[in-house]
């Protein structure tokens, strides 16, 4: 279970509202985290080079495989 402190550190205001209103906060937060992680990897930076709140993700596709959430970022252009 993710702490509210971590969720607040990672989420923008809009994302925080969406996560906290979810019926499954842990699932929604994990999905958001994997999207941000996938996008930062596409850029070649990794998450340590960003403030997590500042990572905006585009062209990220998320898939559920049982207990796993997988996000893939694709370069468009």
PDB file of N, CA and C in Angstrom:
ATOM      1  N   UNK A   1       0.848  -1.179   0.000  1.00  0.00           N
ATOM      2  CA  UNK A   1       0.000   0.000   0.000  1.00  0.00           C
ATOM      3  C   UNK A   1       0.888   1.235   0.000  1.00  0.00           C
ATOM      4  N   UNK A   2       0.583   2.180  -0.879  1.00  0.00           N
ATOM      5  CA  UNK A   2       1.375   3.394  -1.011  1.00  0.00           C
ATOM      6  C   UNK A   2       0.942   4.413   0.037  1.00  0.00           C
ATOM      7  N   UNK A   3       1.906   5.155   0.564  1.00  0.00           N
ATOM      8  CA  UNK A   3       1.585   6.171   1.562  1.00  0.00           C
ATOM      9  C   UNK A   3       1.027   7.416   0.869  1.00  0.00           C
ATOM     10  N   UNK A   4       0.193   8.126   1.581  1.00  0.00           N
ATOM     11  CA  UNK A   4      -0.378   9.354   1.025  1.00  0.00           C
ATOM     12  C   UNK A   4       0.738  10.368   0.760  1.00  0.00           C
ATOM     13  N   UNK A   5       1.771  10.370   1.576  1.00  0.00           N
ATOM     14  CA  UNK A   5       2.900  11.291   1.403  1.00  0.00           C
ATOM     15  C   UNK A   5       3.595  11.048   0.058  1.00  0.00           C
ATOM     16  N   UNK A   6       3.804   9.785  -0.289  1.00  0.00           N
ATOM     17  CA  UNK A   6       4.417   9.447  -1.577  1.00  0.00           C
ATOM     18  C   UNK A   6       3.510   9.858  -2.723  1.00  0.00           C
ATOM     19  N   UNK A   7       2.241   9.556  -2.613  1.00  0.00           N
ATOM     20  CA  UNK A   7       1.284   9.900  -3.667  1.00  0.00           C
ATOM     21  C   UNK A   7       1.272  11.407  -3.897  1.00  0.00           C
ATOM     22  N   UNK A   8       1.289  12.187  -2.821  1.00  0.00           N
ATOM     23  CA  UNK A   8       1.286  13.642  -2.942  1.00  0.00           C
ATOM     24  C   UNK A   8       2.585  14.156  -3.563  1.00  0.00           C
ATOM     25  N   UNK A   9       3.699  13.484  -3.307  1.00  0.00           N
ATOM     26  CA  UNK A   9       4.992  13.901  -3.860  1.00  0.00           C
ATOM     27  C   UNK A   9       5.084  13.635  -5.365  1.00  0.00           C
ATOM     28  N   UNK A  10       4.392  12.614  -5.824  1.00  0.00           N
ATOM     29  CA  UNK A  10       4.493  12.186  -7.222  1.00  0.00           C
ATOM     30  C   UNK A  10       3.435  12.821  -8.117  1.00  0.00           C
ATOM     31  N   UNK A  11       2.271  13.087  -7.591  1.00  0.00           N
ATOM     32  CA  UNK A  11       1.131  13.492  -8.408  1.00  0.00           C
ATOM     33  C   UNK A  11       0.997  15.007  -8.543  1.00  0.00           C
ATOM     34  N   UNK A  12       0.648  15.420  -9.749  1.00  0.00           N
ATOM     35  CA  UNK A  12       0.217  16.802  -9.954  1.00  0.00           C
ATOM     36  C   UNK A  12      -1.126  16.954  -9.239  1.00  0.00           C
ATOM     37  N   UNK A  13      -1.612  18.173  -9.146  1.00  0.00           N
ATOM     38  CA  UNK A  13      -2.900  18.393  -8.473  1.00  0.00           C
ATOM     39  C   UNK A  13      -4.025  17.601  -9.143  1.00  0.00           C
ATOM     40  N   UNK A  14      -4.042  17.627 -10.472  1.00  0.00           N
ATOM     41  CA  UNK A  14      -5.077  16.914 -11.226  1.00  0.00           C
ATOM     42  C   UNK A  14      -4.983  15.408 -11.002  1.00  0.00           C
ATOM     43  N   UNK A  15      -3.771  14.870 -11.085  1.00  0.00           N
ATOM     44  CA  UNK A  15      -3.570  13.429 -10.886  1.00  0.00           C
ATOM     45  C   UNK A  15      -3.879  13.030  -9.449  1.00  0.00           C
ATOM     46  N   UNK A  16      -3.505  13.872  -8.501  1.00  0.00           N
ATOM     47  CA  UNK A  16      -3.770  13.576  -7.088  1.00  0.00           C
ATOM     48  C   UNK A  16      -5.267  13.434  -6.850  1.00  0.00           C
ATOM     49  N   UNK A  17      -6.030  14.333  -7.410  1.00  0.00           N
ATOM     50  CA  UNK A  17      -7.485  14.264  -7.263  1.00  0.00           C
ATOM     51  C   UNK A  17      -8.026  12.962  -7.849  1.00  0.00           C
ATOM     52  N   UNK A  18      -7.546  12.604  -9.043  1.00  0.00           N
ATOM     53  CA  UNK A  18      -8.004  11.377  -9.705  1.00  0.00           C
ATOM     54  C   UNK A  18      -7.639  10.133  -8.890  1.00  0.00           C
ATOM     55  N   UNK A  19      -6.422  10.097  -8.389  1.00  0.00           N
ATOM     56  CA  UNK A  19      -5.966   8.934  -7.620  1.00  0.00           C
ATOM     57  C   UNK A  19      -6.757   8.805  -6.321  1.00  0.00           C
ATOM     58  N   UNK A  20      -6.892   9.893  -5.586  1.00  0.00           N
ATOM     59  CA  UNK A  20      -7.560   9.829  -4.289  1.00  0.00           C
ATOM     60  C   UNK A  20      -9.058   9.564  -4.396  1.00  0.00           C
ATOM     61  N   UNK A  21      -9.661   9.891  -5.532  1.00  0.00           N
ATOM     62  CA  UNK A  21     -11.092   9.619  -5.731  1.00  0.00           C
ATOM     63  C   UNK A  21     -11.353   8.211  -6.266  1.00  0.00           C
ATOM     64  N   UNK A  22     -10.301   7.511  -6.620  1.00  0.00           N
ATOM     65  CA  UNK A  22     -10.438   6.177  -7.197  1.00  0.00           C
ATOM     66  C   UNK A  22     -10.946   5.171  -6.167  1.00  0.00           C
ATOM     67  N   UNK A  23     -11.656   4.166  -6.657  1.00  0.00           N
ATOM     68  CA  UNK A  23     -12.090   3.066  -5.790  1.00  0.00           C
ATOM     69  C   UNK A  23     -10.904   2.207  -5.361  1.00  0.00           C
ATOM     70  N   UNK A  24      -9.835   2.242  -6.147  1.00  0.00           N
ATOM     71  CA  UNK A  24      -8.639   1.467  -5.843  1.00  0.00           C
ATOM     72  C   UNK A  24      -7.426   2.391  -5.967  1.00  0.00           C
ATOM     73  N   UNK A  25      -7.100   3.100  -4.892  1.00  0.00           N
ATOM     74  CA  UNK A  25      -6.032   4.100  -4.899  1.00  0.00           C
ATOM     75  C   UNK A  25      -4.696   3.483  -5.288  1.00  0.00           C
ATOM     76  N   UNK A  26      -4.372   2.321  -4.755  1.00  0.00           N
ATOM     77  CA  UNK A  26      -3.085   1.694  -5.063  1.00  0.00           C
ATOM     78  C   UNK A  26      -2.963   1.350  -6.542  1.00  0.00           C
ATOM     79  N   UNK A  27      -4.016   0.836  -7.124  1.00  0.00           N
ATOM     80  CA  UNK A  27      -4.001   0.510  -8.547  1.00  0.00           C
ATOM     81  C   UNK A  27      -3.829   1.776  -9.384  1.00  0.00           C
ATOM     82  N   UNK A  28      -4.605   2.794  -9.093  1.00  0.00           N
ATOM     83  CA  UNK A  28      -4.567   4.038  -9.874  1.00  0.00           C
ATOM     84  C   UNK A  28      -3.197   4.709  -9.753  1.00  0.00           C
ATOM     85  N   UNK A  29      -2.624   4.692  -8.557  1.00  0.00           N
ATOM     86  CA  UNK A  29      -1.304   5.289  -8.373  1.00  0.00           C
ATOM     87  C   UNK A  29      -0.231   4.483  -9.107  1.00  0.00           C
ATOM     88  N   UNK A  30      -0.304   3.183  -9.036  1.00  0.00           N
ATOM     89  CA  UNK A  30       0.671   2.335  -9.716  1.00  0.00           C
ATOM     90  C   UNK A  30       0.611   2.557 -11.223  1.00  0.00           C
ATOM     91  N   UNK A  31      -0.583   2.688 -11.750  1.00  0.00           N
ATOM     92  CA  UNK A  31      -0.756   2.939 -13.180  1.00  0.00           C
ATOM     93  C   UNK A  31      -0.114   4.279 -13.560  1.00  0.00           C
ATOM     94  N   UNK A  32      -0.338   5.307 -12.754  1.00  0.00           N
ATOM     95  CA  UNK A  32       0.258   6.614 -12.997  1.00  0.00           C
ATOM     96  C   UNK A  32       1.783   6.535 -12.931  1.00  0.00           C
ATOM     97  N   UNK A  33       2.303   5.848 -11.924  1.00  0.00           N
ATOM     98  CA  UNK A  33       3.748   5.720 -11.752  1.00  0.00           C
ATOM     99  C   UNK A  33       4.380   5.053 -12.984  1.00  0.00           C
ATOM    100  N   UNK A  34       3.772   3.968 -13.461  1.00  0.00           N
ATOM    101  CA  UNK A  34       4.367   3.269 -14.604  1.00  0.00           C
ATOM    102  C   UNK A  34       4.337   4.133 -15.862  1.00  0.00           C
ATOM    103  N   UNK A  35       3.318   4.968 -16.010  1.00  0.00           N
ATOM    104  CA  UNK A  35       3.263   5.877 -17.155  1.00  0.00           C
ATOM    105  C   UNK A  35       4.393   6.898 -17.091  1.00  0.00           C
ATOM    106  N   UNK A  36       4.594   7.480 -15.932  1.00  0.00           N
ATOM    107  CA  UNK A  36       5.656   8.469 -15.764  1.00  0.00           C
ATOM    108  C   UNK A  36       7.029   7.823 -15.971  1.00  0.00           C
ATOM    109  N   UNK A  37       7.195   6.637 -15.435  1.00  0.00           N
ATOM    110  CA  UNK A  37       8.466   5.934 -15.574  1.00  0.00           C
ATOM    111  C   UNK A  37       8.748   5.593 -17.044  1.00  0.00           C
ATOM    112  N   UNK A  38       7.732   5.103 -17.752  1.00  0.00           N
ATOM    113  CA  UNK A  38       7.905   4.749 -19.161  1.00  0.00           C
ATOM    114  C   UNK A  38       8.267   5.975 -19.992  1.00  0.00           C
ATOM    115  N   UNK A  39       7.607   7.082 -19.735  1.00  0.00           N
ATOM    116  CA  UNK A  39       7.872   8.289 -20.514  1.00  0.00           C
ATOM    117  C   UNK A  39       9.269   8.837 -20.241  1.00  0.00           C
ATOM    118  N   UNK A  40       9.687   8.824 -18.985  1.00  0.00           N
ATOM    119  CA  UNK A  40      11.033   9.330 -18.670  1.00  0.00           C
ATOM    120  C   UNK A  40      12.107   8.430 -19.283  1.00  0.00           C
ATOM    121  N   UNK A  41      11.836   7.140 -19.360  1.00  0.00           N
ATOM    122  CA  UNK A  41      12.788   6.226 -20.006  1.00  0.00           C
ATOM    123  C   UNK A  41      12.840   6.471 -21.514  1.00  0.00           C
ATOM    124  N   UNK A  42      11.709   6.772 -22.117  1.00  0.00           N
ATOM    125  CA  UNK A  42      11.694   7.100 -23.542  1.00  0.00           C
ATOM    126  C   UNK A  42      12.581   8.308 -23.817  1.00  0.00           C
ATOM    127  N   UNK A  43      12.530   9.288 -22.921  1.00  0.00           N
ATOM    128  CA  UNK A  43      13.348  10.482 -23.080  1.00  0.00           C
ATOM    129  C   UNK A  43      14.821  10.206 -22.783  1.00  0.00           C
ATOM    130  N   UNK A  44      15.086   9.069 -22.136  1.00  0.00           N
ATOM    131  CA  UNK A  44      16.461   8.709 -21.814  1.00  0.00           C
ATOM    132  C   UNK A  44      16.977   9.342 -20.548  1.00  0.00           C
ATOM    133  N   UNK A  45      16.078   9.837 -19.730  1.00  0.00           N
ATOM    134  CA  UNK A  45      16.505  10.536 -18.520  1.00  0.00           C
ATOM    135  C   UNK A  45      16.371   9.699 -17.269  1.00  0.00           C
ATOM    136  N   UNK A  46      15.373   8.865 -17.223  1.00  0.00           N
ATOM    137  CA  UNK A  46      15.072   8.154 -15.986  1.00  0.00           C
ATOM    138  C   UNK A  46      14.364   9.077 -15.019  1.00  0.00           C
ATOM    139  N   UNK A  47      13.754   8.507 -14.023  1.00  0.00           N
ATOM    140  CA  UNK A  47      12.939   9.313 -13.102  1.00  0.00           C
ATOM    141  C   UNK A  47      13.771  10.130 -12.124  1.00  0.00           C
ATOM    142  N   UNK A  48      15.013   9.770 -11.888  1.00  0.00           N
ATOM    143  CA  UNK A  48      15.811  10.500 -10.918  1.00  0.00           C
ATOM    144  C   UNK A  48      16.145  11.915 -11.386  1.00  0.00           C
ATOM    145  N   UNK A  49      16.065  12.188 -12.678  1.00  0.00           N
ATOM    146  CA  UNK A  49      16.401  13.507 -13.202  1.00  0.00           C
ATOM    147  C   UNK A  49      15.227  14.480 -13.179  1.00  0.00           C
ATOM    148  N   UNK A  50      14.081  14.037 -12.754  1.00  0.00           N
ATOM    149  CA  UNK A  50      12.884  14.870 -12.721  1.00  0.00           C
ATOM    150  C   UNK A  50      12.324  14.929 -11.312  1.00  0.00           C
ATOM    151  N   UNK A  51      11.571  15.962 -11.051  1.00  0.00           N
ATOM    152  CA  UNK A  51      10.653  15.918  -9.931  1.00  0.00           C
ATOM    153  C   UNK A  51       9.469  15.124 -10.475  1.00  0.00           C
ATOM    154  N   UNK A  52       9.060  14.114  -9.776  1.00  0.00           N
ATOM    155  CA  UNK A  52       8.005  13.232 -10.299  1.00  0.00           C
ATOM    156  C   UNK A  52       6.735  13.995 -10.679  1.00  0.00           C
ATOM    157  N   UNK A  53       6.397  15.038  -9.934  1.00  0.00           N
ATOM    158  CA  UNK A  53       5.191  15.799 -10.262  1.00  0.00           C
ATOM    159  C   UNK A  53       5.282  16.427 -11.639  1.00  0.00           C
ATOM    160  N   UNK A  54       6.497  16.750 -12.065  1.00  0.00           N
ATOM    161  CA  UNK A  54       6.689  17.485 -13.306  1.00  0.00           C
ATOM    162  C   UNK A  54       6.682  16.615 -14.553  1.00  0.00           C
ATOM    163  N   UNK A  55       6.712  15.305 -14.387  1.00  0.00           N
ATOM    164  CA  UNK A  55       6.741  14.438 -15.554  1.00  0.00           C
ATOM    165  C   UNK A  55       5.359  14.391 -16.182  1.00  0.00           C
ATOM    166  N   UNK A  56       5.274  14.907 -17.376  1.00  0.00           N
ATOM    167  CA  UNK A  56       4.050  14.819 -18.162  1.00  0.00           C
ATOM    168  C   UNK A  56       4.281  13.705 -19.165  1.00  0.00           C
ATOM    169  N   UNK A  57       3.335  12.857 -19.320  1.00  0.00           N
ATOM    170  CA  UNK A  57       3.532  11.730 -20.225  1.00  0.00           C
ATOM    171  C   UNK A  57       2.581  11.834 -21.407  1.00  0.00           C
ATOM    172  N   UNK A  58       3.131  11.526 -22.579  1.00  0.00           N
ATOM    173  CA  UNK A  58       2.349  11.523 -23.808  1.00  0.00           C
ATOM    174  C   UNK A  58       2.634  10.221 -24.546  1.00  0.00           C
ATOM    175  N   UNK A  59       1.667   9.765 -25.274  1.00  0.00           N
ATOM    176  CA  UNK A  59       1.826   8.554 -26.079  1.00  0.00           C
ATOM    177  C   UNK A  59       2.286   7.367 -25.245  1.00  0.00           C
ATOM    178  N   UNK A  60       1.656   7.214 -24.095  1.00  0.00           N
ATOM    179  CA  UNK A  60       1.958   6.088 -23.210  1.00  0.00           C
ATOM    180  C   UNK A  60       0.733   5.178 -23.184  1.00  0.00           C
ATOM    181  N   UNK A  61       0.982   3.916 -23.411  1.00  0.00           N
ATOM    182  CA  UNK A  61      -0.082   2.920 -23.443  1.00  0.00           C
ATOM    183  C   UNK A  61       0.092   1.994 -22.253  1.00  0.00           C
ATOM    184  N   UNK A  62      -0.992   1.732 -21.549  1.00  0.00           N
ATOM    185  CA  UNK A  62      -0.937   0.934 -20.331  1.00  0.00           C
ATOM    186  C   UNK A  62      -1.760  -0.332 -20.505  1.00  0.00           C
ATOM    187  N   UNK A  63      -1.194  -1.426 -20.036  1.00  0.00           N
ATOM    188  CA  UNK A  63      -1.833  -2.748 -20.147  1.00  0.00           C
ATOM    189  C   UNK A  63      -1.866  -3.400 -18.778  1.00  0.00           C
ATOM    190  N   UNK A  64      -2.941  -4.089 -18.507  1.00  0.00           N
ATOM    191  CA  UNK A  64      -3.082  -4.864 -17.266  1.00  0.00           C
ATOM    192  C   UNK A  64      -2.909  -6.336 -17.590  1.00  0.00           C
ATOM    193  N   UNK A  65      -2.015  -6.975 -16.875  1.00  0.00           N
ATOM    194  CA  UNK A  65      -1.806  -8.414 -16.994  1.00  0.00           C
ATOM    195  C   UNK A  65      -1.931  -9.013 -15.602  1.00  0.00           C
ATOM    196  N   UNK A  66      -3.150  -9.331 -15.219  1.00  0.00           N
ATOM    197  CA  UNK A  66      -3.376  -9.879 -13.888  1.00  0.00           C
ATOM    198  C   UNK A  66      -2.961  -8.878 -12.827  1.00  0.00           C
ATOM    199  N   UNK A  67      -1.979  -9.232 -12.041  1.00  0.00           N
ATOM    200  CA  UNK A  67      -1.537  -8.338 -10.977  1.00  0.00           C
ATOM    201  C   UNK A  67      -0.459  -7.356 -11.444  1.00  0.00           C
ATOM    202  N   UNK A  68      -0.132  -7.357 -12.734  1.00  0.00           N
ATOM    203  CA  UNK A  68       0.915  -6.490 -13.270  1.00  0.00           C
ATOM    204  C   UNK A  68       0.315  -5.367 -14.099  1.00  0.00           C
ATOM    205  N   UNK A  69       0.931  -4.196 -14.018  1.00  0.00           N
ATOM    206  CA  UNK A  69       0.569  -3.056 -14.849  1.00  0.00           C
ATOM    207  C   UNK A  69       1.806  -2.709 -15.645  1.00  0.00           C
ATOM    208  N   UNK A  70       1.658  -2.669 -16.957  1.00  0.00           N
ATOM    209  CA  UNK A  70       2.800  -2.399 -17.834  1.00  0.00           C
ATOM    210  C   UNK A  70       2.452  -1.170 -18.677  1.00  0.00           C
ATOM    211  N   UNK A  71       3.347  -0.198 -18.667  1.00  0.00           N
ATOM    212  CA  UNK A  71       3.169   0.991 -19.506  1.00  0.00           C
ATOM    213  C   UNK A  71       4.321   1.077 -20.487  1.00  0.00           C
ATOM    214  N   UNK A  72       3.984   1.445 -21.711  1.00  0.00           N
ATOM    215  CA  UNK A  72       4.959   1.562 -22.783  1.00  0.00           C
ATOM    216  C   UNK A  72       4.800   2.927 -23.422  1.00  0.00           C
ATOM    217  N   UNK A  73       5.915   3.652 -23.544  1.00  0.00           N
ATOM    218  CA  UNK A  73       5.889   4.967 -24.197  1.00  0.00           C
ATOM    219  C   UNK A  73       6.397   4.802 -25.623  1.00  0.00           C
ATOM    220  N   UNK A  74       5.721   5.464 -26.532  1.00  0.00           N
ATOM    221  CA  UNK A  74       6.081   5.352 -27.952  1.00  0.00           C
ATOM    222  C   UNK A  74       6.364   6.733 -28.504  1.00  0.00           C
ATOM    223  N   UNK A  75       7.467   6.836 -29.227  1.00  0.00           N
ATOM    224  CA  UNK A  75       7.787   8.078 -29.882  1.00  0.00           C
ATOM    225  C   UNK A  75       6.849   8.262 -31.056  1.00  0.00           C
ATOM    226  N   UNK A  76       6.287   9.426 -31.162  1.00  0.00           N
ATOM    227  CA  UNK A  76       5.383   9.713 -32.271  1.00  0.00           C
ATOM    228  C   UNK A  76       6.081  10.720 -33.168  1.00  0.00           C
ATOM    229  N   UNK A  77       6.006  10.508 -34.445  1.00  0.00           N
ATOM    230  CA  UNK A  77       6.627  11.503 -35.299  1.00  0.00           C
ATOM    231  C   UNK A  77       7.034  10.917 -36.534  1.00  0.00           C
TER     232      UNK A  77
END
